[in-house]
Amino acid sequence: MSVAGIGGINAVPDPRNIAQVGQAEILGTEPAEVDSGLGQTFVEALSQVDEAQRTAASAAVGAATGDLQSVSEYMVASAEAQLATQVTVAIRNRAVEAFNDIMRMQI
């Protein structure tokens, strides 16, 4: 589902679906194939972070409903997801900082 566009913008994607569709599909361009290299490494790392977040969320639901065998399962899943997110944010911040340093270089 998307909102109808105004003034040449075709559509604004529903934010709930952004995680489920690729950027190329949202922008209406051809999907780019990432076979190997740095791009594929980032895709795999973000997939692992997403999986850790999903595991922590399902453990939280299990803890809230009483279906979880041990509270330590939730604590471990939550700590792993938090650490993975912190590392991802730190890497992103360093990449943005490096980009800004490059942009400030005089030619």
PDB file of N, CA and C in Angstrom:
ATOM      1  N   MET A   1       0.835  -1.170   0.000  1.00  0.00           N
ATOM      2  CA  MET A   1       0.000   0.000   0.000  1.00  0.00           C
ATOM      3  C   MET A   1       0.882   1.236   0.000  1.00  0.00           C
ATOM      4  N   SER A   2       0.536   2.207  -0.773  1.00  0.00           N
ATOM      5  CA  SER A   2       1.295   3.449  -0.808  1.00  0.00           C
ATOM      6  C   SER A   2       0.342   4.623  -0.964  1.00  0.00           C
ATOM      7  N   VAL A   3       0.846   5.799  -0.690  1.00  0.00           N
ATOM      8  CA  VAL A   3       0.064   7.027  -0.774  1.00  0.00           C
ATOM      9  C   VAL A   3       0.256   7.613  -2.160  1.00  0.00           C
ATOM     10  N   ALA A   4      -0.814   8.100  -2.755  1.00  0.00           N
ATOM     11  CA  ALA A   4      -0.732   8.681  -4.099  1.00  0.00           C
ATOM     12  C   ALA A   4       0.160   9.904  -4.086  1.00  0.00           C
ATOM     13  N   GLY A   5       0.916  10.072  -5.160  1.00  0.00           N
ATOM     14  CA  GLY A   5       1.884  11.155  -5.229  1.00  0.00           C
ATOM     15  C   GLY A   5       1.296  12.465  -5.725  1.00  0.00           C
ATOM     16  N   ILE A   6       2.061  13.525  -5.515  1.00  0.00           N
ATOM     17  CA  ILE A   6       1.662  14.863  -5.937  1.00  0.00           C
ATOM     18  C   ILE A   6       2.829  15.486  -6.686  1.00  0.00           C
ATOM     19  N   GLY A   7       2.571  16.157  -7.776  1.00  0.00           N
ATOM     20  CA  GLY A   7       3.586  16.921  -8.472  1.00  0.00           C
ATOM     21  C   GLY A   7       4.744  16.093  -9.016  1.00  0.00           C
ATOM     22  N   GLY A   8       4.467  14.990  -9.654  1.00  0.00           N
ATOM     23  CA  GLY A   8       5.516  14.212 -10.282  1.00  0.00           C
ATOM     24  C   GLY A   8       6.073  13.086  -9.429  1.00  0.00           C
ATOM     25  N   ILE A   9       5.730  13.058  -8.166  1.00  0.00           N
ATOM     26  CA  ILE A   9       6.171  11.946  -7.315  1.00  0.00           C
ATOM     27  C   ILE A   9       5.098  10.885  -7.418  1.00  0.00           C
ATOM     28  N   ASN A  10       5.495   9.705  -7.881  1.00  0.00           N
ATOM     29  CA  ASN A  10       4.519   8.650  -8.129  1.00  0.00           C
ATOM     30  C   ASN A  10       3.866   8.123  -6.865  1.00  0.00           C
ATOM     31  N   ALA A  11       4.674   7.752  -5.879  1.00  0.00           N
ATOM     32  CA  ALA A  11       4.096   7.180  -4.673  1.00  0.00           C
ATOM     33  C   ALA A  11       5.090   7.257  -3.531  1.00  0.00           C
ATOM     34  N   VAL A  12       4.561   7.340  -2.340  1.00  0.00           N
ATOM     35  CA  VAL A  12       5.374   7.271  -1.145  1.00  0.00           C
ATOM     36  C   VAL A  12       5.138   5.892  -0.553  1.00  0.00           C
ATOM     37  N   PRO A  13       6.199   5.093  -0.369  1.00  0.00           N
ATOM     38  CA  PRO A  13       5.989   3.734   0.102  1.00  0.00           C
ATOM     39  C   PRO A  13       5.505   3.713   1.547  1.00  0.00           C
ATOM     40  N   ASP A  14       4.725   2.697   1.852  1.00  0.00           N
ATOM     41  CA  ASP A  14       4.258   2.488   3.218  1.00  0.00           C
ATOM     42  C   ASP A  14       5.455   2.095   4.071  1.00  0.00           C
ATOM     43  N   PRO A  15       5.736   2.810   5.162  1.00  0.00           N
ATOM     44  CA  PRO A  15       6.938   2.529   5.944  1.00  0.00           C
ATOM     45  C   PRO A  15       6.964   1.124   6.524  1.00  0.00           C
ATOM     46  N   ARG A  16       5.812   0.519   6.697  1.00  0.00           N
ATOM     47  CA  ARG A  16       5.791  -0.848   7.236  1.00  0.00           C
ATOM     48  C   ARG A  16       6.331  -1.858   6.238  1.00  0.00           C
ATOM     49  N   ASN A  17       6.327  -1.522   4.949  1.00  0.00           N
ATOM     50  CA  ASN A  17       6.774  -2.451   3.926  1.00  0.00           C
ATOM     51  C   ASN A  17       8.216  -2.234   3.497  1.00  0.00           C
ATOM     52  N   ILE A  18       8.869  -1.175   3.962  1.00  0.00           N
ATOM     53  CA  ILE A  18      10.216  -0.866   3.507  1.00  0.00           C
ATOM     54  C   ILE A  18      11.184  -1.984   3.848  1.00  0.00           C
ATOM     55  N   ALA A  19      11.033  -2.591   5.004  1.00  0.00           N
ATOM     56  CA  ALA A  19      11.938  -3.674   5.395  1.00  0.00           C
ATOM     57  C   ALA A  19      11.721  -4.914   4.555  1.00  0.00           C
ATOM     58  N   GLN A  20      10.556  -5.026   3.924  1.00  0.00           N
ATOM     59  CA  GLN A  20      10.242  -6.231   3.179  1.00  0.00           C
ATOM     60  C   GLN A  20      10.548  -6.125   1.694  1.00  0.00           C
ATOM     61  N   VAL A  21      10.735  -4.938   1.182  1.00  0.00           N
ATOM     62  CA  VAL A  21      11.040  -4.774  -0.231  1.00  0.00           C
ATOM     63  C   VAL A  21      12.370  -4.074  -0.380  1.00  0.00           C
ATOM     64  N   GLY A  22      13.018  -4.301  -1.477  1.00  0.00           N
ATOM     65  CA  GLY A  22      14.314  -3.685  -1.715  1.00  0.00           C
ATOM     66  C   GLY A  22      14.197  -2.243  -2.143  1.00  0.00           C
ATOM     67  N   GLN A  23      15.285  -1.511  -2.032  1.00  0.00           N
ATOM     68  CA  GLN A  23      15.300  -0.104  -2.414  1.00  0.00           C
ATOM     69  C   GLN A  23      14.993   0.046  -3.891  1.00  0.00           C
ATOM     70  N   ALA A  24      15.496  -0.866  -4.705  1.00  0.00           N
ATOM     71  CA  ALA A  24      15.252  -0.780  -6.144  1.00  0.00           C
ATOM     72  C   ALA A  24      13.761  -0.890  -6.445  1.00  0.00           C
ATOM     73  N   GLU A  25      13.063  -1.746  -5.726  1.00  0.00           N
ATOM     74  CA  GLU A  25      11.635  -1.894  -5.954  1.00  0.00           C
ATOM     75  C   GLU A  25      10.881  -0.640  -5.512  1.00  0.00           C
ATOM     76  N   ILE A  26      11.311  -0.041  -4.410  1.00  0.00           N
ATOM     77  CA  ILE A  26      10.671   1.175  -3.919  1.00  0.00           C
ATOM     78  C   ILE A  26      10.862   2.310  -4.915  1.00  0.00           C
ATOM     79  N   LEU A  27      12.077   2.445  -5.444  1.00  0.00           N
ATOM     80  CA  LEU A  27      12.382   3.541  -6.357  1.00  0.00           C
ATOM     81  C   LEU A  27      11.952   3.259  -7.782  1.00  0.00           C
ATOM     82  N   GLY A  28      11.505   2.038  -8.063  1.00  0.00           N
ATOM     83  CA  GLY A  28      11.051   1.703  -9.396  1.00  0.00           C
ATOM     84  C   GLY A  28      12.176   1.483 -10.385  1.00  0.00           C
ATOM     85  N   THR A  29      13.369   1.117  -9.911  1.00  0.00           N
ATOM     86  CA  THR A  29      14.496   0.848 -10.791  1.00  0.00           C
ATOM     87  C   THR A  29      14.742  -0.648 -10.830  1.00  0.00           C
ATOM     88  N   GLU A  30      15.611  -1.042 -11.713  1.00  0.00           N
ATOM     89  CA  GLU A  30      15.959  -2.452 -11.804  1.00  0.00           C
ATOM     90  C   GLU A  30      16.745  -2.876 -10.565  1.00  0.00           C
ATOM     91  N   PRO A  31      16.476  -4.059 -10.030  1.00  0.00           N
ATOM     92  CA  PRO A  31      17.231  -4.506  -8.866  1.00  0.00           C
ATOM     93  C   PRO A  31      18.690  -4.746  -9.201  1.00  0.00           C
ATOM     94  N   ALA A  32      19.557  -4.317  -8.322  1.00  0.00           N
ATOM     95  CA  ALA A  32      20.987  -4.501  -8.521  1.00  0.00           C
ATOM     96  C   ALA A  32      21.418  -5.815  -7.904  1.00  0.00           C
ATOM     97  N   GLU A  33      22.196  -6.564  -8.633  1.00  0.00           N
ATOM     98  CA  GLU A  33      22.715  -7.824  -8.133  1.00  0.00           C
ATOM     99  C   GLU A  33      24.002  -7.570  -7.365  1.00  0.00           C
ATOM    100  N   VAL A  34      24.093  -8.100  -6.162  1.00  0.00           N
ATOM    101  CA  VAL A  34      25.299  -7.991  -5.357  1.00  0.00           C
ATOM    102  C   VAL A  34      25.847  -9.402  -5.221  1.00  0.00           C
ATOM    103  N   ASP A  35      26.891  -9.704  -6.009  1.00  0.00           N
ATOM    104  CA  ASP A  35      27.424 -11.056  -6.012  1.00  0.00           C
ATOM    105  C   ASP A  35      28.419 -11.280  -4.886  1.00  0.00           C
ATOM    106  N   SER A  36      29.369 -10.393  -4.742  1.00  0.00           N
ATOM    107  CA  SER A  36      30.385 -10.574  -3.719  1.00  0.00           C
ATOM    108  C   SER A  36      31.002  -9.231  -3.394  1.00  0.00           C
ATOM    109  N   GLY A  37      31.916  -9.256  -2.470  1.00  0.00           N
ATOM    110  CA  GLY A  37      32.619  -8.034  -2.136  1.00  0.00           C
ATOM    111  C   GLY A  37      32.050  -7.348  -0.923  1.00  0.00           C
ATOM    112  N   LEU A  38      32.357  -6.085  -0.812  1.00  0.00           N
ATOM    113  CA  LEU A  38      31.985  -5.297   0.353  1.00  0.00           C
ATOM    114  C   LEU A  38      30.473  -5.156   0.487  1.00  0.00           C
ATOM    115  N   GLY A  39      29.789  -4.946  -0.618  1.00  0.00           N
ATOM    116  CA  GLY A  39      28.331  -4.800  -0.578  1.00  0.00           C
ATOM    117  C   GLY A  39      27.647  -6.030  -0.030  1.00  0.00           C
ATOM    118  N   GLN A  40      28.081  -7.199  -0.493  1.00  0.00           N
ATOM    119  CA  GLN A  40      27.495  -8.449  -0.012  1.00  0.00           C
ATOM    120  C   GLN A  40      27.800  -8.649   1.468  1.00  0.00           C
ATOM    121  N   THR A  41      28.985  -8.256   1.902  1.00  0.00           N
ATOM    122  CA  THR A  41      29.345  -8.369   3.310  1.00  0.00           C
ATOM    123  C   THR A  41      28.411  -7.520   4.165  1.00  0.00           C
ATOM    124  N   PHE A  42      28.113  -6.295   3.709  1.00  0.00           N
ATOM    125  CA  PHE A  42      27.195  -5.432   4.446  1.00  0.00           C
ATOM    126  C   PHE A  42      25.789  -6.018   4.482  1.00  0.00           C
ATOM    127  N   VAL A  43      25.343  -6.556   3.359  1.00  0.00           N
ATOM    128  CA  VAL A  43      24.012  -7.154   3.302  1.00  0.00           C
ATOM    129  C   VAL A  43      23.908  -8.313   4.281  1.00  0.00           C
ATOM    130  N   GLU A  44      24.911  -9.168   4.302  1.00  0.00           N
ATOM    131  CA  GLU A  44      24.898 -10.309   5.219  1.00  0.00           C
ATOM    132  C   GLU A  44      24.950  -9.863   6.677  1.00  0.00           C
ATOM    133  N   ALA A  45      25.769  -8.848   6.971  1.00  0.00           N
ATOM    134  CA  ALA A  45      25.882  -8.354   8.348  1.00  0.00           C
ATOM    135  C   ALA A  45      24.563  -7.752   8.813  1.00  0.00           C
ATOM    136  N   LEU A  46      23.912  -6.978   7.962  1.00  0.00           N
ATOM    137  CA  LEU A  46      22.625  -6.394   8.333  1.00  0.00           C
ATOM    138  C   LEU A  46      21.549  -7.460   8.491  1.00  0.00           C
ATOM    139  N   SER A  47      21.635  -8.515   7.712  1.00  0.00           N
ATOM    140  CA  SER A  47      20.695  -9.630   7.864  1.00  0.00           C
ATOM    141  C   SER A  47      20.874 -10.301   9.217  1.00  0.00           C
ATOM    142  N   GLN A  48      22.123 -10.448   9.645  1.00  0.00           N
ATOM    143  CA  GLN A  48      22.386 -11.052  10.945  1.00  0.00           C
ATOM    144  C   GLN A  48      21.886 -10.163  12.081  1.00  0.00           C
ATOM    145  N   VAL A  49      22.048  -8.853  11.945  1.00  0.00           N
ATOM    146  CA  VAL A  49      21.536  -7.926  12.960  1.00  0.00           C
ATOM    147  C   VAL A  49      20.018  -8.006  13.009  1.00  0.00           C
ATOM    148  N   ASP A  50      19.384  -8.047  11.847  1.00  0.00           N
ATOM    149  CA  ASP A  50      17.929  -8.158  11.792  1.00  0.00           C
ATOM    150  C   ASP A  50      17.456  -9.454  12.442  1.00  0.00           C
ATOM    151  N   GLU A  51      18.162 -10.534  12.181  1.00  0.00           N
ATOM    152  CA  GLU A  51      17.786 -11.825  12.780  1.00  0.00           C
ATOM    153  C   GLU A  51      17.930 -11.780  14.296  1.00  0.00           C
ATOM    154  N   ALA A  52      18.983 -11.137  14.798  1.00  0.00           N
ATOM    155  CA  ALA A  52      19.167 -11.006  16.245  1.00  0.00           C
ATOM    156  C   ALA A  52      18.027 -10.183  16.852  1.00  0.00           C
ATOM    157  N   GLN A  53      17.604  -9.125  16.161  1.00  0.00           N
ATOM    158  CA  GLN A  53      16.496  -8.307  16.653  1.00  0.00           C
ATOM    159  C   GLN A  53      15.189  -9.109  16.678  1.00  0.00           C
ATOM    160  N   ARG A  54      14.974  -9.897  15.643  1.00  0.00           N
ATOM    161  CA  ARG A  54      13.756 -10.721  15.591  1.00  0.00           C
ATOM    162  C   ARG A  54      13.753 -11.781  16.688  1.00  0.00           C
ATOM    163  N   THR A  55      14.904 -12.385  16.937  1.00  0.00           N
ATOM    164  CA  THR A  55      15.012 -13.390  17.996  1.00  0.00           C
ATOM    165  C   THR A  55      14.730 -12.762  19.351  1.00  0.00           C
ATOM    166  N   ALA A  56      15.276 -11.584  19.601  1.00  0.00           N
ATOM    167  CA  ALA A  56      15.034 -10.886  20.868  1.00  0.00           C
ATOM    168  C   ALA A  56      13.563 -10.508  21.010  1.00  0.00           C
ATOM    169  N   ALA A  57      12.952 -10.086  19.918  1.00  0.00           N
ATOM    170  CA  ALA A  57      11.537  -9.714  19.971  1.00  0.00           C
ATOM    171  C   ALA A  57      10.659 -10.922  20.267  1.00  0.00           C
ATOM    172  N   SER A  58      10.953 -12.044  19.637  1.00  0.00           N
ATOM    173  CA  SER A  58      10.150 -13.242  19.898  1.00  0.00           C
ATOM    174  C   SER A  58      10.388 -13.760  21.316  1.00  0.00           C
ATOM    175  N   ALA A  59      11.613 -13.619  21.828  1.00  0.00           N
ATOM    176  CA  ALA A  59      11.890 -14.008  23.210  1.00  0.00           C
ATOM    177  C   ALA A  59      11.150 -13.088  24.181  1.00  0.00           C
ATOM    178  N   ALA A  60      11.050 -11.807  23.860  1.00  0.00           N
ATOM    179  CA  ALA A  60      10.316 -10.871  24.713  1.00  0.00           C
ATOM    180  C   ALA A  60       8.836 -11.225  24.756  1.00  0.00           C
ATOM    181  N   VAL A  61       8.287 -11.587  23.604  1.00  0.00           N
ATOM    182  CA  VAL A  61       6.882 -12.002  23.562  1.00  0.00           C
ATOM    183  C   VAL A  61       6.699 -13.272  24.383  1.00  0.00           C
ATOM    184  N   GLY A  62       7.645 -14.199  24.235  1.00  0.00           N
ATOM    185  CA  GLY A  62       7.581 -15.426  25.013  1.00  0.00           C
ATOM    186  C   GLY A  62       7.670 -15.170  26.502  1.00  0.00           C
ATOM    187  N   ALA A  63       8.503 -14.243  26.915  1.00  0.00           N
ATOM    188  CA  ALA A  63       8.633 -13.906  28.326  1.00  0.00           C
ATOM    189  C   ALA A  63       7.350 -13.247  28.841  1.00  0.00           C
ATOM    190  N   ALA A  64       6.739 -12.401  28.020  1.00  0.00           N
ATOM    191  CA  ALA A  64       5.524 -11.705  28.435  1.00  0.00           C
ATOM    192  C   ALA A  64       4.327 -12.646  28.534  1.00  0.00           C
ATOM    193  N   THR A  65       4.279 -13.642  27.670  1.00  0.00           N
ATOM    194  CA  THR A  65       3.152 -14.576  27.672  1.00  0.00           C
ATOM    195  C   THR A  65       3.387 -15.774  28.572  1.00  0.00           C
ATOM    196  N   GLY A  66       4.599 -15.943  29.061  1.00  0.00           N
ATOM    197  CA  GLY A  66       4.901 -17.070  29.940  1.00  0.00           C
ATOM    198  C   GLY A  66       5.306 -18.329  29.202  1.00  0.00           C
ATOM    199  N   ASP A  67       5.500 -18.230  27.901  1.00  0.00           N
ATOM    200  CA  ASP A  67       5.880 -19.390  27.095  1.00  0.00           C
ATOM    201  C   ASP A  67       7.369 -19.673  27.124  1.00  0.00           C
ATOM    202  N   LEU A  68       8.166 -18.748  27.632  1.00  0.00           N
ATOM    203  CA  LEU A  68       9.618 -18.886  27.645  1.00  0.00           C
ATOM    204  C   LEU A  68      10.030 -19.780  28.807  1.00  0.00           C
ATOM    205  N   GLN A  69      10.907 -20.739  28.530  1.00  0.00           N
ATOM    206  CA  GLN A  69      11.354 -21.677  29.562  1.00  0.00           C
ATOM    207  C   GLN A  69      12.198 -20.993  30.620  1.00  0.00           C
ATOM    208  N   SER A  70      13.090 -20.110  30.194  1.00  0.00           N
ATOM    209  CA  SER A  70      14.016 -19.468  31.108  1.00  0.00           C
ATOM    210  C   SER A  70      14.147 -17.993  30.749  1.00  0.00           C
ATOM    211  N   VAL A  71      14.172 -17.154  31.765  1.00  0.00           N
ATOM    212  CA  VAL A  71      14.321 -15.722  31.539  1.00  0.00           C
ATOM    213  C   VAL A  71      15.701 -15.425  30.965  1.00  0.00           C
ATOM    214  N   SER A  72      16.669 -16.283  31.267  1.00  0.00           N
ATOM    215  CA  SER A  72      18.018 -16.051  30.754  1.00  0.00           C
ATOM    216  C   SER A  72      18.062 -16.120  29.229  1.00  0.00           C
ATOM    217  N   GLU A  73      17.166 -16.897  28.612  1.00  0.00           N
ATOM    218  CA  GLU A  73      17.104 -16.943  27.143  1.00  0.00           C
ATOM    219  C   GLU A  73      16.771 -15.561  26.590  1.00  0.00           C
ATOM    220  N   TYR A  74      15.815 -14.893  27.232  1.00  0.00           N
ATOM    221  CA  TYR A  74      15.456 -13.543  26.795  1.00  0.00           C
ATOM    222  C   TYR A  74      16.602 -12.572  27.035  1.00  0.00           C
ATOM    223  N   MET A  75      17.235 -12.668  28.189  1.00  0.00           N
ATOM    224  CA  MET A  75      18.326 -11.751  28.520  1.00  0.00           C
ATOM    225  C   MET A  75      19.483 -11.893  27.533  1.00  0.00           C
ATOM    226  N   VAL A  76      19.831 -13.131  27.180  1.00  0.00           N
ATOM    227  CA  VAL A  76      20.923 -13.365  26.227  1.00  0.00           C
ATOM    228  C   VAL A  76      20.548 -12.839  24.845  1.00  0.00           C
ATOM    229  N   ALA A  77      19.331 -13.133  24.390  1.00  0.00           N
ATOM    230  CA  ALA A  77      18.896 -12.670  23.069  1.00  0.00           C
ATOM    231  C   ALA A  77      18.850 -11.150  23.024  1.00  0.00           C
ATOM    232  N   SER A  78      18.376 -10.544  24.100  1.00  0.00           N
ATOM    233  CA  SER A  78      18.300  -9.086  24.162  1.00  0.00           C
ATOM    234  C   SER A  78      19.694  -8.458  24.147  1.00  0.00           C
ATOM    235  N   ALA A  79      20.619  -9.026  24.896  1.00  0.00           N
ATOM    236  CA  ALA A  79      21.988  -8.494  24.936  1.00  0.00           C
ATOM    237  C   ALA A  79      22.671  -8.638  23.584  1.00  0.00           C
ATOM    238  N   GLU A  80      22.464  -9.783  22.916  1.00  0.00           N
ATOM    239  CA  GLU A  80      23.055  -9.980  21.590  1.00  0.00           C
ATOM    240  C   GLU A  80      22.510  -8.965  20.594  1.00  0.00           C
ATOM    241  N   ALA A  81      21.201  -8.736  20.619  1.00  0.00           N
ATOM    242  CA  ALA A  81      20.590  -7.778  19.693  1.00  0.00           C
ATOM    243  C   ALA A  81      21.077  -6.363  19.984  1.00  0.00           C
ATOM    244  N   GLN A  82      21.182  -6.022  21.255  1.00  0.00           N
ATOM    245  CA  GLN A  82      21.649  -4.685  21.618  1.00  0.00           C
ATOM    246  C   GLN A  82      23.089  -4.469  21.177  1.00  0.00           C
ATOM    247  N   LEU A  83      23.936  -5.448  21.404  1.00  0.00           N
ATOM    248  CA  LEU A  83      25.343  -5.336  21.009  1.00  0.00           C
ATOM    249  C   LEU A  83      25.481  -5.252  19.491  1.00  0.00           C
ATOM    250  N   ALA A  84      24.738  -6.079  18.770  1.00  0.00           N
ATOM    251  CA  ALA A  84      24.793  -6.058  17.307  1.00  0.00           C
ATOM    252  C   ALA A  84      24.342  -4.699  16.769  1.00  0.00           C
ATOM    253  N   THR A  85      23.315  -4.134  17.371  1.00  0.00           N
ATOM    254  CA  THR A  85      22.831  -2.825  16.939  1.00  0.00           C
ATOM    255  C   THR A  85      23.860  -1.742  17.232  1.00  0.00           C
ATOM    256  N   GLN A  86      24.481  -1.797  18.410  1.00  0.00           N
ATOM    257  CA  GLN A  86      25.492  -0.806  18.765  1.00  0.00           C
ATOM    258  C   GLN A  86      26.690  -0.859  17.825  1.00  0.00           C
ATOM    259  N   VAL A  87      27.116  -2.055  17.469  1.00  0.00           N
ATOM    260  CA  VAL A  87      28.245  -2.199  16.547  1.00  0.00           C
ATOM    261  C   VAL A  87      27.867  -1.669  15.171  1.00  0.00           C
ATOM    262  N   THR A  88      26.658  -1.970  14.716  1.00  0.00           N
ATOM    263  CA  THR A  88      26.203  -1.494  13.416  1.00  0.00           C
ATOM    264  C   THR A  88      26.153   0.033  13.379  1.00  0.00           C
ATOM    265  N   VAL A  89      25.638   0.638  14.429  1.00  0.00           N
ATOM    266  CA  VAL A  89      25.566   2.099  14.496  1.00  0.00           C
ATOM    267  C   VAL A  89      26.967   2.704  14.534  1.00  0.00           C
ATOM    268  N   ALA A  90      27.890   2.080  15.272  1.00  0.00           N
ATOM    269  CA  ALA A  90      29.262   2.587  15.343  1.00  0.00           C
ATOM    270  C   ALA A  90      29.934   2.528  13.973  1.00  0.00           C
ATOM    271  N   ILE A  91      29.726   1.437  13.248  1.00  0.00           N
ATOM    272  CA  ILE A  91      30.306   1.307  11.911  1.00  0.00           C
ATOM    273  C   ILE A  91      29.704   2.346  10.976  1.00  0.00           C
ATOM    274  N   ARG A  92      28.394   2.539  11.066  1.00  0.00           N
ATOM    275  CA  ARG A  92      27.746   3.557  10.236  1.00  0.00           C
ATOM    276  C   ARG A  92      28.298   4.945  10.531  1.00  0.00           C
ATOM    277  N   ASN A  93      28.452   5.252  11.820  1.00  0.00           N
ATOM    278  CA  ASN A  93      28.974   6.566  12.199  1.00  0.00           C
ATOM    279  C   ASN A  93      30.386   6.784  11.674  1.00  0.00           C
ATOM    280  N   ARG A  94      31.213   5.752  11.745  1.00  0.00           N
ATOM    281  CA  ARG A  94      32.582   5.875  11.220  1.00  0.00           C
ATOM    282  C   ARG A  94      32.567   6.054   9.709  1.00  0.00           C
ATOM    283  N   ALA A  95      31.678   5.369   9.015  1.00  0.00           N
ATOM    284  CA  ALA A  95      31.590   5.509   7.561  1.00  0.00           C
ATOM    285  C   ALA A  95      31.143   6.920   7.183  1.00  0.00           C
ATOM    286  N   VAL A  96      30.175   7.458   7.900  1.00  0.00           N
ATOM    287  CA  VAL A  96      29.712   8.827   7.634  1.00  0.00           C
ATOM    288  C   VAL A  96      30.828   9.817   7.930  1.00  0.00           C
ATOM    289  N   GLU A  97      31.545   9.601   9.014  1.00  0.00           N
ATOM    290  CA  GLU A  97      32.664  10.477   9.360  1.00  0.00           C
ATOM    291  C   GLU A  97      33.750  10.442   8.282  1.00  0.00           C
ATOM    292  N   ALA A  98      34.050   9.248   7.775  1.00  0.00           N
ATOM    293  CA  ALA A  98      35.051   9.123   6.713  1.00  0.00           C
ATOM    294  C   ALA A  98      34.573   9.818   5.439  1.00  0.00           C
ATOM    295  N   PHE A  99      33.298   9.659   5.107  1.00  0.00           N
ATOM    296  CA  PHE A  99      32.745  10.333   3.934  1.00  0.00           C
ATOM    297  C   PHE A  99      32.855  11.841   4.081  1.00  0.00           C
ATOM    298  N   ASN A 100      32.503  12.353   5.249  1.00  0.00           N
ATOM    299  CA  ASN A 100      32.588  13.801   5.480  1.00  0.00           C
ATOM    300  C   ASN A 100      34.028  14.289   5.398  1.00  0.00           C
ATOM    301  N   ASP A 101      34.985  13.507   5.892  1.00  0.00           N
ATOM    302  CA  ASP A 101      36.393  13.872   5.790  1.00  0.00           C
ATOM    303  C   ASP A 101      36.829  13.957   4.326  1.00  0.00           C
ATOM    304  N   ILE A 102      36.366  12.995   3.546  1.00  0.00           N
ATOM    305  CA  ILE A 102      36.706  12.995   2.120  1.00  0.00           C
ATOM    306  C   ILE A 102      36.092  14.210   1.427  1.00  0.00           C
ATOM    307  N   MET A 103      34.858  14.543   1.779  1.00  0.00           N
ATOM    308  CA  MET A 103      34.185  15.681   1.149  1.00  0.00           C
ATOM    309  C   MET A 103      34.851  16.999   1.528  1.00  0.00           C
ATOM    310  N   ARG A 104      35.503  17.083   2.677  1.00  0.00           N
ATOM    311  CA  ARG A 104      36.175  18.316   3.098  1.00  0.00           C
ATOM    312  C   ARG A 104      37.567  18.471   2.488  1.00  0.00           C
ATOM    313  N   MET A 105      38.077  17.408   1.876  1.00  0.00           N
ATOM    314  CA  MET A 105      39.402  17.505   1.264  1.00  0.00           C
ATOM    315  C   MET A 105      39.393  18.499   0.108  1.00  0.00           C
ATOM    316  N   GLN A 106      40.453  19.286   0.040  1.00  0.00           N
ATOM    317  CA  GLN A 106      40.532  20.255  -1.057  1.00  0.00           C
ATOM    318  C   GLN A 106      41.281  19.619  -2.227  1.00  0.00           C
ATOM    319  N   ILE A 107      40.789  19.912  -3.380  1.00  0.00           N
ATOM    320  CA  ILE A 107      41.393  19.339  -4.587  1.00  0.00           C
ATOM    321  C   ILE A 107      42.389  20.295  -5.177  1.00  0.00           C
TER     322      ILE A 107
END
